[in-house]
Amino acid sequence: MTNQQGRLRMRVAVFACVSAAALIVDQLTKAWALAALSSGQTIRVIPGLLSLTLVHNPGASLGMGSNATWIISLLAIVASCALLYFGVRSVSLKWTVSLSLAFAGAFGNLIDRVMYADGFLNGKVVDFLNYGWSVGNVADIYLVAAGVAIVVLILLNEPFSTADADEAHANNAESDGTKVDAE
């Protein structure tokens, strides 16, 4: 087995483990919310900051797109496939973890849309974390955390691919005054 194959296996394993753990937590918290909360009931956890309120959201963030649930579901399918593809193609463990969290968030909400569908991809997401201005779920937290992490990785110029890593190495070598041979 080559070093590159070993790294690919590691990235796939990390992506799978992080995604699986995150999906399990997301689905367990949603199952708990469905069992413990009744629609319309609000339980204050941190006054003025966090309450628990069960909502079945047909739309996306802040209820946008409530009339286009199947489109949101199709976008979630495409996003999940893209995140899976790019998550295992990255040469950076930081990118792999960030993309696996984004995958878990997108796929976790997609599971809801399929499980609680009234028609073809016309389901609702189980939301229960009420921030006062929005109600979300653990999958939404993963999506936000992954989004922030991805922005940070971009700002820090964290290499995503082998080509990015080679370019960063060449740029560092040039700035150090050392010569880099072209391959």
Protein backbone atom coordinates (compact mmCIF):
# COMPACT_ATOMS: atom_id res chain seq x y z
CA MET A 1 0.00 0.00 0.00
CA THR A 2 1.37 3.40 -0.97
CA ASN A 3 1.54 6.39 1.35
CA GLN A 4 -1.15 8.11 -0.72
CA GLN A 5 -3.52 5.12 -0.37
CA GLY A 6 -2.91 5.11 3.39
CA ARG A 7 -3.80 8.80 3.62
CA LEU A 8 -6.94 8.24 1.54
CA ARG A 9 -8.00 5.41 3.85
CA MET A 10 -7.38 7.63 6.87
CA ARG A 11 -9.44 10.49 5.39
CA VAL A 12 -12.27 8.12 4.53
CA ALA A 13 -12.17 6.66 8.05
CA VAL A 14 -12.12 10.10 9.69
CA PHE A 15 -14.93 11.34 7.44
CA ALA A 16 -17.02 8.23 8.18
CA CYS A 17 -16.42 8.30 11.95
CA VAL A 18 -17.06 12.04 12.41
CA SER A 19 -20.14 11.92 10.14
CA ALA A 20 -21.55 8.81 11.81
CA ALA A 21 -21.05 10.14 15.34
CA ALA A 22 -22.55 13.52 14.41
CA LEU A 23 -25.53 11.91 12.66
CA ILE A 24 -26.21 9.66 15.64
CA VAL A 25 -26.19 12.63 18.04
CA ASP A 26 -28.43 14.62 15.68
CA GLN A 27 -30.97 11.84 15.24
CA LEU A 28 -30.99 10.93 18.96
CA THR A 29 -31.64 14.54 19.96
CA LYS A 30 -34.47 14.79 17.43
CA ALA A 31 -35.99 11.52 18.68
CA TRP A 32 -35.77 12.87 22.22
CA ALA A 33 -37.45 16.14 21.17
CA LEU A 34 -40.29 14.23 19.48
CA ALA A 35 -40.79 12.07 22.58
CA ALA A 36 -40.37 14.73 25.27
CA LEU A 37 -41.86 17.89 23.77
CA SER A 38 -45.34 18.56 22.50
CA SER A 39 -46.00 21.02 19.68
CA GLY A 40 -46.27 24.56 20.97
CA GLN A 41 -44.77 23.71 24.37
CA THR A 42 -41.78 25.81 25.41
CA ILE A 43 -39.30 24.85 28.11
CA ARG A 44 -36.87 27.59 29.14
CA VAL A 45 -33.31 26.31 29.48
CA ILE A 46 -31.35 29.58 29.65
CA PRO A 47 -33.78 32.50 30.04
CA GLY A 48 -33.50 34.96 27.17
CA LEU A 49 -31.04 32.74 25.29
CA LEU A 50 -32.29 29.17 24.79
CA SER A 51 -35.61 27.38 25.08
CA LEU A 52 -36.86 24.04 23.81
CA THR A 53 -39.82 24.30 21.42
CA LEU A 54 -40.85 21.51 19.03
CA VAL A 55 -41.38 22.76 15.47
CA HIS A 56 -41.83 20.80 12.25
CA ASN A 57 -40.14 23.06 9.69
CA PRO A 58 -40.93 22.46 6.00
CA GLY A 59 -38.51 25.18 4.87
CA ALA A 60 -34.85 25.97 5.19
CA SER A 61 -33.22 28.39 7.62
CA LEU A 62 -35.73 30.71 9.30
CA GLY A 63 -38.55 28.88 7.49
CA MET A 64 -37.56 30.23 4.07
CA GLY A 65 -38.68 28.10 1.14
CA SER A 66 -41.58 26.49 2.99
CA ASN A 67 -43.46 26.10 -0.30
CA ALA A 68 -40.48 24.50 -2.06
CA THR A 69 -39.64 21.65 0.29
CA TRP A 70 -38.87 19.19 -2.50
CA ILE A 71 -36.37 21.64 -4.03
CA ILE A 72 -34.67 22.02 -0.65
CA SER A 73 -34.56 18.21 -0.41
CA LEU A 74 -32.99 17.88 -3.86
CA LEU A 75 -30.41 20.55 -2.98
CA ALA A 76 -29.64 18.62 0.24
CA ILE A 77 -29.08 15.44 -1.80
CA VAL A 78 -26.72 17.25 -4.17
CA ALA A 79 -24.93 18.98 -1.27
CA SER A 80 -24.53 15.70 0.64
CA CYS A 81 -23.03 13.98 -2.40
CA ALA A 82 -20.67 16.91 -3.06
CA LEU A 83 -19.59 17.11 0.59
CA LEU A 84 -18.91 13.36 0.64
CA TYR A 85 -16.87 13.60 -2.58
CA PHE A 86 -14.80 16.60 -1.47
CA GLY A 87 -14.49 15.37 2.11
CA VAL A 88 -12.48 12.33 1.09
CA ARG A 89 -10.55 14.15 -1.68
CA SER A 90 -8.97 16.67 0.66
CA VAL A 91 -5.36 16.26 1.72
CA SER A 92 -6.04 18.15 4.94
CA LEU A 93 -7.52 16.51 8.00
CA LYS A 94 -8.96 19.92 8.97
CA TRP A 95 -10.86 20.12 5.68
CA THR A 96 -12.01 16.51 6.05
CA VAL A 97 -13.43 17.11 9.54
CA SER A 98 -15.09 20.38 8.50
CA LEU A 99 -16.68 18.81 5.43
CA SER A 100 -17.80 15.75 7.42
CA LEU A 101 -19.63 18.03 9.87
CA ALA A 102 -21.28 19.86 6.97
CA PHE A 103 -22.25 16.48 5.50
CA ALA A 104 -23.73 15.33 8.81
CA GLY A 105 -25.77 18.54 9.05
CA ALA A 106 -27.09 18.37 5.50
CA PHE A 107 -27.73 14.62 5.63
CA GLY A 108 -29.28 14.76 9.11
CA ASN A 109 -31.89 17.25 7.94
CA LEU A 110 -32.38 15.28 4.72
CA ILE A 111 -33.18 12.18 6.79
CA ASP A 112 -35.98 14.17 8.44
CA ARG A 113 -37.32 15.35 5.09
CA VAL A 114 -37.53 11.76 3.91
CA MET A 115 -38.81 10.23 7.17
CA TYR A 116 -41.51 12.85 7.73
CA ALA A 117 -42.59 13.30 4.12
CA ASP A 118 -46.20 13.83 3.08
CA GLY A 119 -45.24 13.25 -0.55
CA PHE A 120 -42.11 12.95 -2.68
CA LEU A 121 -39.34 14.71 -0.70
CA ASN A 122 -42.01 16.90 0.90
CA GLY A 123 -41.08 16.33 4.53
CA LYS A 124 -40.39 18.54 7.49
CA VAL A 125 -37.30 18.93 9.63
CA VAL A 126 -37.58 18.43 13.39
CA ASP A 127 -36.42 21.66 15.05
CA PHE A 128 -36.41 22.18 18.81
CA LEU A 129 -33.57 24.53 19.85
CA ASN A 130 -35.32 27.91 20.21
CA TYR A 131 -32.90 30.84 20.28
CA GLY A 132 -35.69 33.43 20.33
CA TRP A 133 -35.03 34.59 16.78
CA SER A 134 -34.84 31.12 15.22
CA VAL A 135 -35.62 27.49 16.03
CA GLY A 136 -33.13 24.89 14.83
CA ASN A 137 -31.58 21.53 15.66
CA VAL A 138 -28.20 19.90 16.18
CA ALA A 139 -27.72 19.39 12.42
CA ASP A 140 -28.05 23.16 11.99
CA ILE A 141 -25.32 23.67 14.60
CA TYR A 142 -23.06 21.35 12.58
CA LEU A 143 -23.77 23.34 9.41
CA VAL A 144 -22.95 26.66 11.08
CA ALA A 145 -19.81 25.28 12.76
CA ALA A 146 -18.65 23.75 9.46
CA GLY A 147 -19.34 27.01 7.62
CA VAL A 148 -17.27 28.99 10.12
CA ALA A 149 -14.48 26.39 10.01
CA ILE A 150 -14.41 26.46 6.20
CA VAL A 151 -14.16 30.26 6.15
CA VAL A 152 -11.31 30.09 8.68
CA LEU A 153 -9.52 27.41 6.62
CA ILE A 154 -9.82 29.59 3.52
CA LEU A 155 -8.55 32.67 5.37
CA LEU A 156 -5.61 30.68 6.74
CA ASN A 157 -4.84 29.27 3.25
CA GLU A 158 -5.12 25.70 4.51
CA PRO A 159 -4.34 23.53 1.44
CA PHE A 160 -7.33 21.50 0.27
CA SER A 161 -5.76 19.42 -2.49
CA THR A 162 -2.32 18.14 -3.42
CA ALA A 163 -2.08 20.94 -5.99
CA ASP A 164 -2.85 23.53 -3.28
CA ALA A 165 -0.26 21.97 -0.97
CA ASP A 166 2.35 21.94 -3.75
CA GLU A 167 1.58 25.58 -4.58
CA ALA A 168 1.82 26.59 -0.90
CA HIS A 169 5.13 24.73 -0.61
CA ALA A 170 6.46 26.45 -3.73
CA ASN A 171 5.32 29.87 -2.49
CA ASN A 172 6.94 29.28 0.91
CA ALA A 173 10.16 28.15 -0.74
CA GLU A 174 10.20 31.25 -2.97
CA SER A 175 9.63 33.55 -0.01
CA ASP A 176 12.47 31.80 1.85
CA GLY A 177 14.75 32.30 -1.14
CA THR A 178 15.18 28.61 -1.87
CA LYS A 179 14.73 27.18 -5.34
CA VAL A 180 11.98 24.66 -6.03
CA ASP A 181 12.47 22.27 -8.95
CA ALA A 182 9.52 21.84 -11.30
CA GLU A 183 8.32 18.28 -11.61
